[in-house]
Amino acid sequence: MTTIKLGKYRHFKGGEYEVVGVAKHSESLDVMVIYKPLYPLEDGELETWVRPIEMFFDTKQHEGKEVLRFTYLGE
């Protein structure tokens, strides 16, 4: 299984997230990144999210530049 650095990441739009692990999709076997926001959501609860690893590390056009979707900040 693919490994990535666990810890804090910044989304290209500014939010910070914690990557807590990776998992495989039970049907497709795609590798998924498991992460959660490091800020409270409107209802006060923190949610856990999952995204395909390829999408987690892809690039986006932002303010006229190509940037990483998520940038590693450290543990």
N, C-alpha and C. Protein backbone atom coordinates (compact mmCIF):
# COMPACT_ATOMS: atom_id res chain seq x y z
N MET A 1 0.85 -1.19 0.00
CA MET A 1 0.00 0.00 0.00
C MET A 1 0.89 1.24 0.00
N THR A 2 0.43 2.26 -0.68
CA THR A 2 1.16 3.52 -0.74
C THR A 2 1.20 4.18 0.63
N THR A 3 2.34 4.74 0.97
CA THR A 3 2.44 5.46 2.24
C THR A 3 2.65 6.94 1.96
N ILE A 4 2.15 7.76 2.84
CA ILE A 4 2.37 9.20 2.76
C ILE A 4 2.73 9.68 4.15
N LYS A 5 3.26 10.88 4.23
CA LYS A 5 3.60 11.44 5.53
C LYS A 5 2.31 11.78 6.27
N LEU A 6 2.20 11.27 7.48
CA LEU A 6 1.09 11.66 8.33
C LEU A 6 1.40 13.03 8.91
N GLY A 7 0.39 13.79 9.23
CA GLY A 7 0.61 15.09 9.83
C GLY A 7 -0.26 16.15 9.20
N LYS A 8 0.17 17.40 9.35
CA LYS A 8 -0.62 18.54 8.91
C LYS A 8 -0.33 18.89 7.45
N TYR A 9 -1.39 19.25 6.75
CA TYR A 9 -1.31 19.70 5.37
C TYR A 9 -2.15 20.96 5.21
N ARG A 10 -1.76 21.83 4.31
CA ARG A 10 -2.56 23.02 4.00
C ARG A 10 -3.17 22.82 2.62
N HIS A 11 -4.48 23.02 2.54
CA HIS A 11 -5.19 22.98 1.26
C HIS A 11 -4.87 24.25 0.50
N PHE A 12 -4.88 24.19 -0.81
CA PHE A 12 -4.50 25.36 -1.59
C PHE A 12 -5.42 26.56 -1.36
N LYS A 13 -6.63 26.32 -0.82
CA LYS A 13 -7.52 27.43 -0.49
C LYS A 13 -7.30 27.95 0.93
N GLY A 14 -6.39 27.31 1.71
CA GLY A 14 -6.01 27.86 3.00
C GLY A 14 -6.33 27.03 4.23
N GLY A 15 -7.29 26.14 4.18
CA GLY A 15 -7.63 25.34 5.35
C GLY A 15 -6.52 24.35 5.70
N GLU A 16 -6.41 24.04 6.99
CA GLU A 16 -5.42 23.05 7.43
C GLU A 16 -6.12 21.76 7.82
N TYR A 17 -5.45 20.65 7.50
CA TYR A 17 -6.01 19.32 7.71
C TYR A 17 -4.94 18.41 8.30
N GLU A 18 -5.38 17.36 8.95
CA GLU A 18 -4.47 16.33 9.45
C GLU A 18 -4.72 15.04 8.71
N VAL A 19 -3.67 14.52 8.07
CA VAL A 19 -3.76 13.21 7.44
C VAL A 19 -3.53 12.17 8.53
N VAL A 20 -4.50 11.28 8.70
CA VAL A 20 -4.43 10.30 9.77
C VAL A 20 -4.10 8.90 9.26
N GLY A 21 -4.13 8.70 7.95
CA GLY A 21 -3.78 7.39 7.42
C GLY A 21 -4.17 7.23 5.97
N VAL A 22 -3.96 6.02 5.48
CA VAL A 22 -4.39 5.63 4.14
C VAL A 22 -5.19 4.35 4.26
N ALA A 23 -6.03 4.10 3.26
CA ALA A 23 -6.85 2.89 3.24
C ALA A 23 -7.07 2.49 1.79
N LYS A 24 -7.54 1.26 1.60
CA LYS A 24 -7.92 0.79 0.28
C LYS A 24 -9.43 0.71 0.19
N HIS A 25 -9.96 1.16 -0.94
CA HIS A 25 -11.39 1.02 -1.21
C HIS A 25 -11.69 -0.47 -1.35
N SER A 26 -12.75 -0.94 -0.71
CA SER A 26 -13.04 -2.38 -0.66
C SER A 26 -13.41 -2.98 -2.02
N GLU A 27 -13.93 -2.20 -2.92
CA GLU A 27 -14.33 -2.73 -4.23
C GLU A 27 -13.29 -2.46 -5.31
N SER A 28 -12.84 -1.22 -5.41
CA SER A 28 -11.93 -0.84 -6.49
C SER A 28 -10.46 -1.05 -6.13
N LEU A 29 -10.17 -1.18 -4.84
CA LEU A 29 -8.80 -1.27 -4.31
C LEU A 29 -8.00 0.01 -4.50
N ASP A 30 -8.68 1.11 -4.85
CA ASP A 30 -8.00 2.40 -4.94
C ASP A 30 -7.48 2.80 -3.57
N VAL A 31 -6.30 3.40 -3.55
CA VAL A 31 -5.72 3.90 -2.30
C VAL A 31 -6.33 5.25 -1.99
N MET A 32 -6.81 5.41 -0.76
CA MET A 32 -7.47 6.63 -0.33
C MET A 32 -6.71 7.24 0.84
N VAL A 33 -6.68 8.58 0.90
CA VAL A 33 -6.10 9.32 2.01
C VAL A 33 -7.22 9.66 2.98
N ILE A 34 -7.00 9.40 4.26
CA ILE A 34 -7.98 9.71 5.31
C ILE A 34 -7.48 10.96 6.03
N TYR A 35 -8.33 11.98 6.06
CA TYR A 35 -7.90 13.24 6.68
C TYR A 35 -9.08 13.95 7.32
N LYS A 36 -8.75 14.87 8.21
CA LYS A 36 -9.80 15.61 8.90
C LYS A 36 -9.41 17.08 9.01
N PRO A 37 -10.40 17.97 8.97
CA PRO A 37 -10.09 19.39 9.11
C PRO A 37 -9.62 19.71 10.52
N LEU A 38 -8.74 20.67 10.63
CA LEU A 38 -8.23 21.11 11.93
C LEU A 38 -8.92 22.39 12.37
N TYR A 39 -10.14 22.55 11.95
CA TYR A 39 -10.95 23.70 12.34
C TYR A 39 -12.37 23.19 12.57
N PRO A 40 -13.11 23.79 13.48
CA PRO A 40 -14.48 23.34 13.72
C PRO A 40 -15.38 23.70 12.55
N LEU A 41 -16.27 22.79 12.22
CA LEU A 41 -17.25 23.05 11.18
C LEU A 41 -18.44 23.77 11.79
N GLU A 42 -19.38 24.18 10.98
CA GLU A 42 -20.50 24.98 11.47
C GLU A 42 -21.24 24.35 12.63
N ASP A 43 -21.39 23.02 12.62
CA ASP A 43 -22.14 22.37 13.69
C ASP A 43 -21.28 22.04 14.90
N GLY A 44 -20.02 22.46 14.89
CA GLY A 44 -19.13 22.24 16.02
C GLY A 44 -18.43 20.89 16.01
N GLU A 45 -18.76 20.04 15.08
CA GLU A 45 -18.16 18.71 15.00
C GLU A 45 -17.03 18.69 13.97
N LEU A 46 -16.02 17.90 14.23
CA LEU A 46 -14.99 17.66 13.23
C LEU A 46 -15.38 16.42 12.44
N GLU A 47 -15.22 16.48 11.14
CA GLU A 47 -15.56 15.34 10.30
C GLU A 47 -14.30 14.72 9.75
N THR A 48 -14.41 13.46 9.35
CA THR A 48 -13.32 12.75 8.70
C THR A 48 -13.65 12.62 7.22
N TRP A 49 -12.66 12.87 6.37
CA TRP A 49 -12.84 12.84 4.93
C TRP A 49 -11.91 11.80 4.30
N VAL A 50 -12.25 11.38 3.10
CA VAL A 50 -11.41 10.45 2.34
C VAL A 50 -11.37 10.94 0.90
N ARG A 51 -10.19 10.81 0.29
CA ARG A 51 -10.00 11.27 -1.09
C ARG A 51 -8.99 10.33 -1.75
N PRO A 52 -9.18 9.98 -3.03
CA PRO A 52 -8.18 9.15 -3.72
C PRO A 52 -6.80 9.82 -3.65
N ILE A 53 -5.78 9.01 -3.44
CA ILE A 53 -4.43 9.55 -3.25
C ILE A 53 -3.97 10.38 -4.45
N GLU A 54 -4.36 9.96 -5.66
CA GLU A 54 -3.96 10.72 -6.84
C GLU A 54 -4.56 12.12 -6.81
N MET A 55 -5.80 12.22 -6.36
CA MET A 55 -6.47 13.51 -6.27
C MET A 55 -5.88 14.35 -5.13
N PHE A 56 -5.52 13.72 -4.03
CA PHE A 56 -4.94 14.44 -2.89
C PHE A 56 -3.66 15.16 -3.30
N PHE A 57 -2.86 14.51 -4.15
CA PHE A 57 -1.56 15.07 -4.54
C PHE A 57 -1.55 15.71 -5.92
N ASP A 58 -2.73 15.94 -6.51
CA ASP A 58 -2.72 16.57 -7.83
C ASP A 58 -2.50 18.08 -7.70
N THR A 59 -2.47 18.74 -8.82
CA THR A 59 -2.26 20.19 -8.84
C THR A 59 -3.53 20.88 -9.31
N LYS A 60 -3.65 22.14 -8.94
CA LYS A 60 -4.81 22.96 -9.29
C LYS A 60 -4.31 24.31 -9.80
N GLN A 61 -5.12 24.95 -10.63
CA GLN A 61 -4.85 26.33 -11.02
C GLN A 61 -5.45 27.23 -9.96
N HIS A 62 -4.63 28.08 -9.37
CA HIS A 62 -5.10 28.98 -8.32
C HIS A 62 -4.40 30.32 -8.47
N GLU A 63 -5.19 31.36 -8.65
CA GLU A 63 -4.66 32.72 -8.80
C GLU A 63 -3.58 32.78 -9.88
N GLY A 64 -3.84 32.10 -11.00
CA GLY A 64 -2.94 32.14 -12.14
C GLY A 64 -1.71 31.26 -12.06
N LYS A 65 -1.62 30.44 -11.00
CA LYS A 65 -0.45 29.56 -10.83
C LYS A 65 -0.92 28.12 -10.64
N GLU A 66 -0.07 27.18 -11.04
CA GLU A 66 -0.33 25.77 -10.76
C GLU A 66 0.26 25.44 -9.40
N VAL A 67 -0.59 24.99 -8.47
CA VAL A 67 -0.16 24.70 -7.11
C VAL A 67 -0.63 23.31 -6.70
N LEU A 68 0.03 22.75 -5.69
CA LEU A 68 -0.40 21.47 -5.14
C LEU A 68 -1.74 21.65 -4.43
N ARG A 69 -2.60 20.65 -4.54
CA ARG A 69 -3.89 20.70 -3.81
C ARG A 69 -3.62 20.75 -2.32
N PHE A 70 -2.72 19.91 -1.81
CA PHE A 70 -2.34 19.90 -0.40
C PHE A 70 -0.82 19.97 -0.28
N THR A 71 -0.34 20.78 0.65
CA THR A 71 1.08 20.93 0.91
C THR A 71 1.37 20.47 2.34
N TYR A 72 2.38 19.61 2.48
CA TYR A 72 2.76 19.09 3.79
C TYR A 72 3.35 20.19 4.66
N LEU A 73 2.89 20.29 5.91
CA LEU A 73 3.39 21.29 6.85
C LEU A 73 4.25 20.71 7.94
N GLY A 74 4.10 19.44 8.23
CA GLY A 74 4.86 18.79 9.30
C GLY A 74 3.95 17.98 10.20
N GLU A 75 4.57 17.40 11.20
CA GLU A 75 3.80 16.54 12.13
C GLU A 75 3.03 17.34 13.14
